[in-house]
Amino acid sequence: MSLHEDSISLQHMLDHAREAVKMIDGKKREDLGVERMLELSLVRLIEIIGEAAARVSLESRTRYPSIPWREAIGMRNRLIHGYDSVDLDVLWDTVELDLPPLISELEKSK
């Protein structure tokens, strides 16, 4: 993959992480249990972040070691393959706790 294509994948990661964080603004964890569209949207956004991470070349991943590549890709895999057993607490914590630092790191890569 070219560095140009990597920059597109990094931008996708950043855009979707920002969107997920914005989506929970003013929400509580309990909202996931009653707002199906919120749950489905967050799952999809995190899947896209992980898929975009998987498309980034090894060269670029090495250039940005502070980005949790393995974790992002692993979360995508868990959501895709475990679609019938998504832990909403883990989903919420990912968006609330893990994505803001990811956003900061991705912003540094620009």
PDB file of N, CA and C in Angstrom:
ATOM      1  N   MET A   1       0.847  -1.174   0.000  1.00  0.00           N
ATOM      2  CA  MET A   1       0.000   0.000   0.000  1.00  0.00           C
ATOM      3  C   MET A   1       0.892   1.236   0.000  1.00  0.00           C
ATOM      4  N   SER A   2       0.517   2.227  -0.744  1.00  0.00           N
ATOM      5  CA  SER A   2       1.302   3.457  -0.808  1.00  0.00           C
ATOM      6  C   SER A   2       1.047   4.318   0.423  1.00  0.00           C
ATOM      7  N   LEU A   3       1.956   5.231   0.644  1.00  0.00           N
ATOM      8  CA  LEU A   3       1.778   6.147   1.769  1.00  0.00           C
ATOM      9  C   LEU A   3       0.528   6.998   1.584  1.00  0.00           C
ATOM     10  N   HIS A   4       0.184   7.291   0.325  1.00  0.00           N
ATOM     11  CA  HIS A   4      -1.052   8.039   0.053  1.00  0.00           C
ATOM     12  C   HIS A   4      -2.265   7.230   0.510  1.00  0.00           C
ATOM     13  N   GLU A   5      -2.292   5.962   0.171  1.00  0.00           N
ATOM     14  CA  GLU A   5      -3.414   5.120   0.586  1.00  0.00           C
ATOM     15  C   GLU A   5      -3.436   4.975   2.105  1.00  0.00           C
ATOM     16  N   ASP A   6      -2.261   4.894   2.726  1.00  0.00           N
ATOM     17  CA  ASP A   6      -2.191   4.849   4.182  1.00  0.00           C
ATOM     18  C   ASP A   6      -2.798   6.108   4.779  1.00  0.00           C
ATOM     19  N   SER A   7      -2.506   7.240   4.186  1.00  0.00           N
ATOM     20  CA  SER A   7      -3.047   8.492   4.727  1.00  0.00           C
ATOM     21  C   SER A   7      -4.571   8.507   4.636  1.00  0.00           C
ATOM     22  N   ILE A   8      -5.113   7.888   3.615  1.00  0.00           N
ATOM     23  CA  ILE A   8      -6.575   7.795   3.497  1.00  0.00           C
ATOM     24  C   ILE A   8      -7.129   6.913   4.606  1.00  0.00           C
ATOM     25  N   SER A   9      -6.502   5.769   4.849  1.00  0.00           N
ATOM     26  CA  SER A   9      -6.963   4.878   5.916  1.00  0.00           C
ATOM     27  C   SER A   9      -6.831   5.549   7.280  1.00  0.00           C
ATOM     28  N   LEU A  10      -5.743   6.260   7.505  1.00  0.00           N
ATOM     29  CA  LEU A  10      -5.575   6.990   8.766  1.00  0.00           C
ATOM     30  C   LEU A  10      -6.664   8.052   8.923  1.00  0.00           C
ATOM     31  N   GLN A  11      -7.000   8.705   7.834  1.00  0.00           N
ATOM     32  CA  GLN A  11      -8.070   9.711   7.887  1.00  0.00           C
ATOM     33  C   GLN A  11      -9.415   9.058   8.183  1.00  0.00           C
ATOM     34  N   HIS A  12      -9.671   7.898   7.597  1.00  0.00           N
ATOM     35  CA  HIS A  12     -10.914   7.172   7.893  1.00  0.00           C
ATOM     36  C   HIS A  12     -10.984   6.811   9.370  1.00  0.00           C
ATOM     37  N   MET A  13      -9.857   6.333   9.912  1.00  0.00           N
ATOM     38  CA  MET A  13      -9.820   6.006  11.336  1.00  0.00           C
ATOM     39  C   MET A  13     -10.171   7.236  12.168  1.00  0.00           C
ATOM     40  N   LEU A  14      -9.556   8.356  11.857  1.00  0.00           N
ATOM     41  CA  LEU A  14      -9.783   9.581  12.602  1.00  0.00           C
ATOM     42  C   LEU A  14     -11.225  10.056  12.475  1.00  0.00           C
ATOM     43  N   ASP A  15     -11.738  10.086  11.274  1.00  0.00           N
ATOM     44  CA  ASP A  15     -13.106  10.560  11.049  1.00  0.00           C
ATOM     45  C   ASP A  15     -14.129   9.711  11.800  1.00  0.00           C
ATOM     46  N   HIS A  16     -13.968   8.397  11.731  1.00  0.00           N
ATOM     47  CA  HIS A  16     -14.943   7.517  12.362  1.00  0.00           C
ATOM     48  C   HIS A  16     -14.813   7.505  13.878  1.00  0.00           C
ATOM     49  N   ALA A  17     -13.596   7.663  14.378  1.00  0.00           N
ATOM     50  CA  ALA A  17     -13.412   7.763  15.832  1.00  0.00           C
ATOM     51  C   ALA A  17     -14.062   9.045  16.350  1.00  0.00           C
ATOM     52  N   ARG A  18     -13.846  10.134  15.653  1.00  0.00           N
ATOM     53  CA  ARG A  18     -14.481  11.400  16.057  1.00  0.00           C
ATOM     54  C   ARG A  18     -16.000  11.280  16.043  1.00  0.00           C
ATOM     55  N   GLU A  19     -16.527  10.644  15.010  1.00  0.00           N
ATOM     56  CA  GLU A  19     -17.976  10.490  14.902  1.00  0.00           C
ATOM     57  C   GLU A  19     -18.538   9.664  16.055  1.00  0.00           C
ATOM     58  N   ALA A  20     -17.851   8.593  16.418  1.00  0.00           N
ATOM     59  CA  ALA A  20     -18.310   7.748  17.522  1.00  0.00           C
ATOM     60  C   ALA A  20     -18.315   8.520  18.842  1.00  0.00           C
ATOM     61  N   VAL A  21     -17.239   9.254  19.097  1.00  0.00           N
ATOM     62  CA  VAL A  21     -17.151  10.035  20.333  1.00  0.00           C
ATOM     63  C   VAL A  21     -18.245  11.100  20.365  1.00  0.00           C
ATOM     64  N   LYS A  22     -18.468  11.746  19.240  1.00  0.00           N
ATOM     65  CA  LYS A  22     -19.518  12.764  19.162  1.00  0.00           C
ATOM     66  C   LYS A  22     -20.897  12.144  19.402  1.00  0.00           C
ATOM     67  N   MET A  23     -21.077  10.927  18.932  1.00  0.00           N
ATOM     68  CA  MET A  23     -22.364  10.252  19.049  1.00  0.00           C
ATOM     69  C   MET A  23     -22.770   9.988  20.505  1.00  0.00           C
ATOM     70  N   ILE A  24     -21.784   9.813  21.386  1.00  0.00           N
ATOM     71  CA  ILE A  24     -22.140   9.537  22.787  1.00  0.00           C
ATOM     72  C   ILE A  24     -22.170  10.796  23.641  1.00  0.00           C
ATOM     73  N   ASP A  25     -21.876  11.934  23.040  1.00  0.00           N
ATOM     74  CA  ASP A  25     -21.917  13.179  23.785  1.00  0.00           C
ATOM     75  C   ASP A  25     -23.318  13.380  24.366  1.00  0.00           C
ATOM     76  N   GLY A  26     -23.386  13.551  25.671  1.00  0.00           N
ATOM     77  CA  GLY A  26     -24.673  13.740  26.340  1.00  0.00           C
ATOM     78  C   GLY A  26     -25.418  12.447  26.620  1.00  0.00           C
ATOM     79  N   LYS A  27     -24.812  11.312  26.283  1.00  0.00           N
ATOM     80  CA  LYS A  27     -25.442  10.004  26.496  1.00  0.00           C
ATOM     81  C   LYS A  27     -24.843   9.339  27.733  1.00  0.00           C
ATOM     82  N   LYS A  28     -25.539   8.326  28.209  1.00  0.00           N
ATOM     83  CA  LYS A  28     -25.048   7.504  29.315  1.00  0.00           C
ATOM     84  C   LYS A  28     -24.944   6.072  28.821  1.00  0.00           C
ATOM     85  N   ARG A  29     -24.156   5.283  29.519  1.00  0.00           N
ATOM     86  CA  ARG A  29     -23.980   3.864  29.162  1.00  0.00           C
ATOM     87  C   ARG A  29     -25.325   3.161  29.032  1.00  0.00           C
ATOM     88  N   GLU A  30     -26.253   3.493  29.906  1.00  0.00           N
ATOM     89  CA  GLU A  30     -27.568   2.840  29.898  1.00  0.00           C
ATOM     90  C   GLU A  30     -28.328   3.078  28.592  1.00  0.00           C
ATOM     91  N   ASP A  31     -27.993   4.150  27.896  1.00  0.00           N
ATOM     92  CA  ASP A  31     -28.675   4.451  26.636  1.00  0.00           C
ATOM     93  C   ASP A  31     -28.433   3.361  25.583  1.00  0.00           C
ATOM     94  N   LEU A  32     -27.293   2.678  25.681  1.00  0.00           N
ATOM     95  CA  LEU A  32     -27.006   1.616  24.712  1.00  0.00           C
ATOM     96  C   LEU A  32     -28.044   0.497  24.786  1.00  0.00           C
ATOM     97  N   GLY A  33     -28.540   0.222  25.961  1.00  0.00           N
ATOM     98  CA  GLY A  33     -29.507  -0.862  26.113  1.00  0.00           C
ATOM     99  C   GLY A  33     -30.885  -0.547  25.555  1.00  0.00           C
ATOM    100  N   VAL A  34     -31.170   0.735  25.364  1.00  0.00           N
ATOM    101  CA  VAL A  34     -32.501   1.111  24.893  1.00  0.00           C
ATOM    102  C   VAL A  34     -32.503   1.812  23.535  1.00  0.00           C
ATOM    103  N   GLU A  35     -31.347   2.256  23.078  1.00  0.00           N
ATOM    104  CA  GLU A  35     -31.254   2.931  21.781  1.00  0.00           C
ATOM    105  C   GLU A  35     -30.512   2.033  20.799  1.00  0.00           C
ATOM    106  N   ARG A  36     -31.254   1.201  20.129  1.00  0.00           N
ATOM    107  CA  ARG A  36     -30.668   0.223  19.211  1.00  0.00           C
ATOM    108  C   ARG A  36     -29.856   0.890  18.102  1.00  0.00           C
ATOM    109  N   MET A  37     -30.330   2.017  17.612  1.00  0.00           N
ATOM    110  CA  MET A  37     -29.599   2.713  16.545  1.00  0.00           C
ATOM    111  C   MET A  37     -28.242   3.201  17.047  1.00  0.00           C
ATOM    112  N   LEU A  38     -28.175   3.633  18.297  1.00  0.00           N
ATOM    113  CA  LEU A  38     -26.899   4.060  18.876  1.00  0.00           C
ATOM    114  C   LEU A  38     -25.943   2.875  18.935  1.00  0.00           C
ATOM    115  N   GLU A  39     -26.428   1.756  19.431  1.00  0.00           N
ATOM    116  CA  GLU A  39     -25.594   0.553  19.518  1.00  0.00           C
ATOM    117  C   GLU A  39     -25.084   0.134  18.147  1.00  0.00           C
ATOM    118  N   LEU A  40     -25.975   0.031  17.191  1.00  0.00           N
ATOM    119  CA  LEU A  40     -25.574  -0.399  15.856  1.00  0.00           C
ATOM    120  C   LEU A  40     -24.602   0.590  15.210  1.00  0.00           C
ATOM    121  N   SER A  41     -24.831   1.866  15.421  1.00  0.00           N
ATOM    122  CA  SER A  41     -23.949   2.882  14.851  1.00  0.00           C
ATOM    123  C   SER A  41     -22.555   2.797  15.440  1.00  0.00           C
ATOM    124  N   LEU A  42     -22.461   2.654  16.754  1.00  0.00           N
ATOM    125  CA  LEU A  42     -21.148   2.572  17.396  1.00  0.00           C
ATOM    126  C   LEU A  42     -20.411   1.315  16.971  1.00  0.00           C
ATOM    127  N   VAL A  43     -21.122   0.207  16.901  1.00  0.00           N
ATOM    128  CA  VAL A  43     -20.485  -1.036  16.448  1.00  0.00           C
ATOM    129  C   VAL A  43     -19.915  -0.840  15.049  1.00  0.00           C
ATOM    130  N   ARG A  44     -20.694  -0.285  14.171  1.00  0.00           N
ATOM    131  CA  ARG A  44     -20.242  -0.102  12.791  1.00  0.00           C
ATOM    132  C   ARG A  44     -19.052   0.847  12.700  1.00  0.00           C
ATOM    133  N   LEU A  45     -19.089   1.935  13.442  1.00  0.00           N
ATOM    134  CA  LEU A  45     -17.982   2.884  13.405  1.00  0.00           C
ATOM    135  C   LEU A  45     -16.689   2.244  13.897  1.00  0.00           C
ATOM    136  N   ILE A  46     -16.770   1.441  14.942  1.00  0.00           N
ATOM    137  CA  ILE A  46     -15.574   0.777  15.463  1.00  0.00           C
ATOM    138  C   ILE A  46     -15.098  -0.304  14.498  1.00  0.00           C
ATOM    139  N   GLU A  47     -16.023  -0.980  13.843  1.00  0.00           N
ATOM    140  CA  GLU A  47     -15.624  -1.945  12.813  1.00  0.00           C
ATOM    141  C   GLU A  47     -14.821  -1.256  11.718  1.00  0.00           C
ATOM    142  N   ILE A  48     -15.279  -0.093  11.296  1.00  0.00           N
ATOM    143  CA  ILE A  48     -14.597   0.641  10.230  1.00  0.00           C
ATOM    144  C   ILE A  48     -13.215   1.102  10.691  1.00  0.00           C
ATOM    145  N   ILE A  49     -13.110   1.565  11.932  1.00  0.00           N
ATOM    146  CA  ILE A  49     -11.808   1.973  12.466  1.00  0.00           C
ATOM    147  C   ILE A  49     -10.834   0.799  12.394  1.00  0.00           C
ATOM    148  N   GLY A  50     -11.282  -0.374  12.823  1.00  0.00           N
ATOM    149  CA  GLY A  50     -10.424  -1.563  12.797  1.00  0.00           C
ATOM    150  C   GLY A  50     -10.081  -2.014  11.392  1.00  0.00           C
ATOM    151  N   GLU A  51     -11.032  -1.945  10.495  1.00  0.00           N
ATOM    152  CA  GLU A  51     -10.766  -2.331   9.109  1.00  0.00           C
ATOM    153  C   GLU A  51      -9.769  -1.365   8.465  1.00  0.00           C
ATOM    154  N   ALA A  52      -9.954  -0.080   8.714  1.00  0.00           N
ATOM    155  CA  ALA A  52      -9.013   0.910   8.176  1.00  0.00           C
ATOM    156  C   ALA A  52      -7.621   0.686   8.763  1.00  0.00           C
ATOM    157  N   ALA A  53      -7.544   0.369  10.048  1.00  0.00           N
ATOM    158  CA  ALA A  53      -6.250   0.094  10.685  1.00  0.00           C
ATOM    159  C   ALA A  53      -5.560  -1.096  10.018  1.00  0.00           C
ATOM    160  N   ALA A  54      -6.341  -2.109   9.685  1.00  0.00           N
ATOM    161  CA  ALA A  54      -5.782  -3.307   9.057  1.00  0.00           C
ATOM    162  C   ALA A  54      -5.234  -3.006   7.661  1.00  0.00           C
ATOM    163  N   ARG A  55      -5.724  -1.969   7.033  1.00  0.00           N
ATOM    164  CA  ARG A  55      -5.278  -1.608   5.683  1.00  0.00           C
ATOM    165  C   ARG A  55      -4.015  -0.757   5.672  1.00  0.00           C
ATOM    166  N   VAL A  56      -3.616  -0.249   6.834  1.00  0.00           N
ATOM    167  CA  VAL A  56      -2.403   0.573   6.911  1.00  0.00           C
ATOM    168  C   VAL A  56      -1.187  -0.344   6.798  1.00  0.00           C
ATOM    169  N   SER A  57      -0.236   0.071   5.990  1.00  0.00           N
ATOM    170  CA  SER A  57       0.957  -0.744   5.759  1.00  0.00           C
ATOM    171  C   SER A  57       1.782  -0.906   7.030  1.00  0.00           C
ATOM    172  N   LEU A  58       2.573  -1.960   7.053  1.00  0.00           N
ATOM    173  CA  LEU A  58       3.472  -2.206   8.177  1.00  0.00           C
ATOM    174  C   LEU A  58       4.441  -1.041   8.343  1.00  0.00           C
ATOM    175  N   GLU A  59       4.882  -0.484   7.234  1.00  0.00           N
ATOM    176  CA  GLU A  59       5.790   0.667   7.278  1.00  0.00           C
ATOM    177  C   GLU A  59       5.166   1.836   8.049  1.00  0.00           C
ATOM    178  N   SER A  60       3.916   2.153   7.741  1.00  0.00           N
ATOM    179  CA  SER A  60       3.244   3.263   8.427  1.00  0.00           C
ATOM    180  C   SER A  60       2.913   2.902   9.872  1.00  0.00           C
ATOM    181  N   ARG A  61       2.562   1.654  10.119  1.00  0.00           N
ATOM    182  CA  ARG A  61       2.296   1.248  11.507  1.00  0.00           C
ATOM    183  C   ARG A  61       3.546   1.416  12.350  1.00  0.00           C
ATOM    184  N   THR A  62       4.687   1.104  11.772  1.00  0.00           N
ATOM    185  CA  THR A  62       5.957   1.258  12.485  1.00  0.00           C
ATOM    186  C   THR A  62       6.248   2.732  12.735  1.00  0.00           C
ATOM    187  N   ARG A  63       5.861   3.574  11.809  1.00  0.00           N
ATOM    188  CA  ARG A  63       6.088   5.017  11.928  1.00  0.00           C
ATOM    189  C   ARG A  63       5.277   5.615  13.078  1.00  0.00           C
ATOM    190  N   TYR A  64       4.133   4.986  13.396  1.00  0.00           N
ATOM    191  CA  TYR A  64       3.243   5.494  14.451  1.00  0.00           C
ATOM    192  C   TYR A  64       3.025   4.416  15.511  1.00  0.00           C
ATOM    193  N   PRO A  65       4.045   4.122  16.291  1.00  0.00           N
ATOM    194  CA  PRO A  65       3.943   3.022  17.261  1.00  0.00           C
ATOM    195  C   PRO A  65       2.981   3.294  18.418  1.00  0.00           C
ATOM    196  N   SER A  66       2.619   4.549  18.642  1.00  0.00           N
ATOM    197  CA  SER A  66       1.723   4.864  19.754  1.00  0.00           C
ATOM    198  C   SER A  66       0.255   4.586  19.417  1.00  0.00           C
ATOM    199  N   ILE A  67      -0.031   4.286  18.160  1.00  0.00           N
ATOM    200  CA  ILE A  67      -1.396   3.907  17.780  1.00  0.00           C
ATOM    201  C   ILE A  67      -1.556   2.421  18.070  1.00  0.00           C
ATOM    202  N   PRO A  68      -2.605   2.050  18.789  1.00  0.00           N
ATOM    203  CA  PRO A  68      -2.798   0.639  19.175  1.00  0.00           C
ATOM    204  C   PRO A  68      -3.364  -0.197  18.017  1.00  0.00           C
ATOM    205  N   TRP A  69      -2.510  -0.493  17.054  1.00  0.00           N
ATOM    206  CA  TRP A  69      -2.928  -1.192  15.832  1.00  0.00           C
ATOM    207  C   TRP A  69      -3.580  -2.535  16.134  1.00  0.00           C
ATOM    208  N   ARG A  70      -2.885  -3.351  16.902  1.00  0.00           N
ATOM    209  CA  ARG A  70      -3.370  -4.703  17.189  1.00  0.00           C
ATOM    210  C   ARG A  70      -4.727  -4.657  17.883  1.00  0.00           C
ATOM    211  N   GLU A  71      -4.891  -3.742  18.823  1.00  0.00           N
ATOM    212  CA  GLU A  71      -6.140  -3.636  19.567  1.00  0.00           C
ATOM    213  C   GLU A  71      -7.289  -3.174  18.671  1.00  0.00           C
ATOM    214  N   ALA A  72      -7.017  -2.202  17.803  1.00  0.00           N
ATOM    215  CA  ALA A  72      -8.061  -1.700  16.902  1.00  0.00           C
ATOM    216  C   ALA A  72      -8.527  -2.796  15.954  1.00  0.00           C
ATOM    217  N   ILE A  73      -7.570  -3.520  15.399  1.00  0.00           N
ATOM    218  CA  ILE A  73      -7.906  -4.601  14.473  1.00  0.00           C
ATOM    219  C   ILE A  73      -8.596  -5.735  15.218  1.00  0.00           C
ATOM    220  N   GLY A  74      -8.119  -6.046  16.413  1.00  0.00           N
ATOM    221  CA  GLY A  74      -8.724  -7.104  17.222  1.00  0.00           C
ATOM    222  C   GLY A  74     -10.158  -6.786  17.617  1.00  0.00           C
ATOM    223  N   MET A  75     -10.424  -5.534  17.945  1.00  0.00           N
ATOM    224  CA  MET A  75     -11.788  -5.136  18.304  1.00  0.00           C
ATOM    225  C   MET A  75     -12.711  -5.298  17.101  1.00  0.00           C
ATOM    226  N   ARG A  76     -12.239  -4.916  15.949  1.00  0.00           N
ATOM    227  CA  ARG A  76     -13.036  -5.094  14.722  1.00  0.00           C
ATOM    228  C   ARG A  76     -13.364  -6.563  14.528  1.00  0.00           C
ATOM    229  N   ASN A  77     -12.375  -7.423  14.712  1.00  0.00           N
ATOM    230  CA  ASN A  77     -12.594  -8.861  14.531  1.00  0.00           C
ATOM    231  C   ASN A  77     -13.591  -9.414  15.543  1.00  0.00           C
ATOM    232  N   ARG A  78     -13.477  -8.964  16.781  1.00  0.00           N
ATOM    233  CA  ARG A  78     -14.425  -9.433  17.804  1.00  0.00           C
ATOM    234  C   ARG A  78     -15.846  -9.003  17.479  1.00  0.00           C
ATOM    235  N   LEU A  79     -16.000  -7.784  16.992  1.00  0.00           N
ATOM    236  CA  LEU A  79     -17.342  -7.300  16.659  1.00  0.00           C
ATOM    237  C   LEU A  79     -17.924  -8.032  15.455  1.00  0.00           C
ATOM    238  N   ILE A  80     -17.109  -8.248  14.447  1.00  0.00           N
ATOM    239  CA  ILE A  80     -17.585  -8.930  13.239  1.00  0.00           C
ATOM    240  C   ILE A  80     -17.913 -10.388  13.527  1.00  0.00           C
ATOM    241  N   HIS A  81     -17.003 -11.076  14.166  1.00  0.00           N
ATOM    242  CA  HIS A  81     -17.184 -12.512  14.371  1.00  0.00           C
ATOM    243  C   HIS A  81     -18.048 -12.829  15.581  1.00  0.00           C
ATOM    244  N   GLY A  82     -18.148 -11.893  16.503  1.00  0.00           N
ATOM    245  CA  GLY A  82     -18.991 -12.106  17.681  1.00  0.00           C
ATOM    246  C   GLY A  82     -20.201 -11.199  17.660  1.00  0.00           C
ATOM    247  N   TYR A  83     -20.731 -10.978  16.471  1.00  0.00           N
ATOM    248  CA  TYR A  83     -21.848 -10.047  16.297  1.00  0.00           C
ATOM    249  C   TYR A  83     -23.038 -10.372  17.190  1.00  0.00           C
ATOM    250  N   ASP A  84     -23.157 -11.627  17.588  1.00  0.00           N
ATOM    251  CA  ASP A  84     -24.301 -12.048  18.392  1.00  0.00           C
ATOM    252  C   ASP A  84     -24.042 -11.972  19.895  1.00  0.00           C
ATOM    253  N   SER A  85     -22.867 -11.476  20.272  1.00  0.00           N
ATOM    254  CA  SER A  85     -22.563 -11.393  21.702  1.00  0.00           C
ATOM    255  C   SER A  85     -21.716 -10.163  22.017  1.00  0.00           C
ATOM    256  N   VAL A  86     -22.148  -9.010  21.527  1.00  0.00           N
ATOM    257  CA  VAL A  86     -21.423  -7.765  21.772  1.00  0.00           C
ATOM    258  C   VAL A  86     -21.628  -7.353  23.227  1.00  0.00           C
ATOM    259  N   ASP A  87     -20.534  -7.149  23.933  1.00  0.00           N
ATOM    260  CA  ASP A  87     -20.579  -6.693  25.324  1.00  0.00           C
ATOM    261  C   ASP A  87     -20.724  -5.169  25.298  1.00  0.00           C
ATOM    262  N   LEU A  88     -21.883  -4.682  25.698  1.00  0.00           N
ATOM    263  CA  LEU A  88     -22.148  -3.254  25.606  1.00  0.00           C
ATOM    264  C   LEU A  88     -21.272  -2.432  26.540  1.00  0.00           C
ATOM    265  N   ASP A  89     -20.835  -3.016  27.646  1.00  0.00           N
ATOM    266  CA  ASP A  89     -19.913  -2.302  28.536  1.00  0.00           C
ATOM    267  C   ASP A  89     -18.576  -2.077  27.842  1.00  0.00           C
ATOM    268  N   VAL A  90     -18.084  -3.103  27.154  1.00  0.00           N
ATOM    269  CA  VAL A  90     -16.820  -2.979  26.419  1.00  0.00           C
ATOM    270  C   VAL A  90     -16.973  -1.979  25.272  1.00  0.00           C
ATOM    271  N   LEU A  91     -18.086  -2.044  24.583  1.00  0.00           N
ATOM    272  CA  LEU A  91     -18.356  -1.105  23.494  1.00  0.00           C
ATOM    273  C   LEU A  91     -18.330   0.328  24.014  1.00  0.00           C
ATOM    274  N   TRP A  92     -19.042   0.576  25.096  1.00  0.00           N
ATOM    275  CA  TRP A  92     -19.098   1.921  25.672  1.00  0.00           C
ATOM    276  C   TRP A  92     -17.715   2.386  26.115  1.00  0.00           C
ATOM    277  N   ASP A  93     -17.001   1.524  26.840  1.00  0.00           N
ATOM    278  CA  ASP A  93     -15.665   1.892  27.321  1.00  0.00           C
ATOM    279  C   ASP A  93     -14.718   2.182  26.166  1.00  0.00           C
ATOM    280  N   THR A  94     -14.855   1.440  25.091  1.00  0.00           N
ATOM    281  CA  THR A  94     -14.011   1.676  23.927  1.00  0.00           C
ATOM    282  C   THR A  94     -14.227   3.078  23.381  1.00  0.00           C
ATOM    283  N   VAL A  95     -15.485   3.451  23.243  1.00  0.00           N
ATOM    284  CA  VAL A  95     -15.783   4.776  22.684  1.00  0.00           C
ATOM    285  C   VAL A  95     -15.422   5.876  23.677  1.00  0.00           C
ATOM    286  N   GLU A  96     -15.779   5.685  24.921  1.00  0.00           N
ATOM    287  CA  GLU A  96     -15.577   6.734  25.920  1.00  0.00           C
ATOM    288  C   GLU A  96     -14.115   6.877  26.362  1.00  0.00           C
ATOM    289  N   LEU A  97     -13.426   5.752  26.535  1.00  0.00           N
ATOM    290  CA  LEU A  97     -12.088   5.780  27.120  1.00  0.00           C
ATOM    291  C   LEU A  97     -10.956   5.596  26.107  1.00  0.00           C
ATOM    292  N   ASP A  98     -11.165   4.749  25.111  1.00  0.00           N
ATOM    293  CA  ASP A  98     -10.088   4.413  24.185  1.00  0.00           C
ATOM    294  C   ASP A  98     -10.024   5.315  22.951  1.00  0.00           C
ATOM    295  N   LEU A  99     -11.167   5.763  22.481  1.00  0.00           N
ATOM    296  CA  LEU A  99     -11.139   6.551  21.246  1.00  0.00           C
ATOM    297  C   LEU A  99     -10.570   7.959  21.411  1.00  0.00           C
ATOM    298  N   PRO A 100     -10.838   8.673  22.512  1.00  0.00           N
ATOM    299  CA  PRO A 100     -10.226  10.015  22.615  1.00  0.00           C
ATOM    300  C   PRO A 100      -8.698   9.999  22.524  1.00  0.00           C
ATOM    301  N   PRO A 101      -7.981   9.077  23.219  1.00  0.00           N
ATOM    302  CA  PRO A 101      -6.528   9.052  23.026  1.00  0.00           C
ATOM    303  C   PRO A 101      -6.129   8.623  21.608  1.00  0.00           C
ATOM    304  N   LEU A 102      -6.919   7.743  21.002  1.00  0.00           N
ATOM    305  CA  LEU A 102      -6.639   7.349  19.621  1.00  0.00           C
ATOM    306  C   LEU A 102      -6.760   8.556  18.699  1.00  0.00           C
ATOM    307  N   ILE A 103      -7.785   9.337  18.901  1.00  0.00           N
ATOM    308  CA  ILE A 103      -7.978  10.551  18.099  1.00  0.00           C
ATOM    309  C   ILE A 103      -6.756  11.460  18.229  1.00  0.00           C
ATOM    310  N   SER A 104      -6.284  11.641  19.446  1.00  0.00           N
ATOM    311  CA  SER A 104      -5.101  12.490  19.664  1.00  0.00           C
ATOM    312  C   SER A 104      -3.888  11.968  18.904  1.00  0.00           C
ATOM    313  N   GLU A 105      -3.678  10.669  18.951  1.00  0.00           N
ATOM    314  CA  GLU A 105      -2.544  10.084  18.245  1.00  0.00           C
ATOM    315  C   GLU A 105      -2.688  10.193  16.726  1.00  0.00           C
ATOM    316  N   LEU A 106      -3.910   9.977  16.250  1.00  0.00           N
ATOM    317  CA  LEU A 106      -4.150  10.086  14.805  1.00  0.00           C
ATOM    318  C   LEU A 106      -3.967  11.519  14.328  1.00  0.00           C
ATOM    319  N   GLU A 107      -4.350  12.476  15.151  1.00  0.00           N
ATOM    320  CA  GLU A 107      -4.167  13.882  14.787  1.00  0.00           C
ATOM    321  C   GLU A 107      -2.680  14.221  14.661  1.00  0.00           C
ATOM    322  N   LYS A 108      -1.848  13.583  15.442  1.00  0.00           N
ATOM    323  CA  LYS A 108      -0.395  13.798  15.368  1.00  0.00           C
ATOM    324  C   LYS A 108       0.195  13.253  14.072  1.00  0.00           C
ATOM    325  N   SER A 109      -0.486  12.265  13.472  1.00  0.00           N
ATOM    326  CA  SER A 109       0.038  11.641  12.259  1.00  0.00           C
ATOM    327  C   SER A 109      -0.199  12.481  11.011  1.00  0.00           C
ATOM    328  N   LYS A 110      -0.907  13.552  11.146  1.00  0.00           N
ATOM    329  CA  LYS A 110      -1.239  14.395   9.979  1.00  0.00           C
ATOM    330  C   LYS A 110      -0.110  15.311   9.605  1.00  0.00           C
TER     331      LYS A 110
END
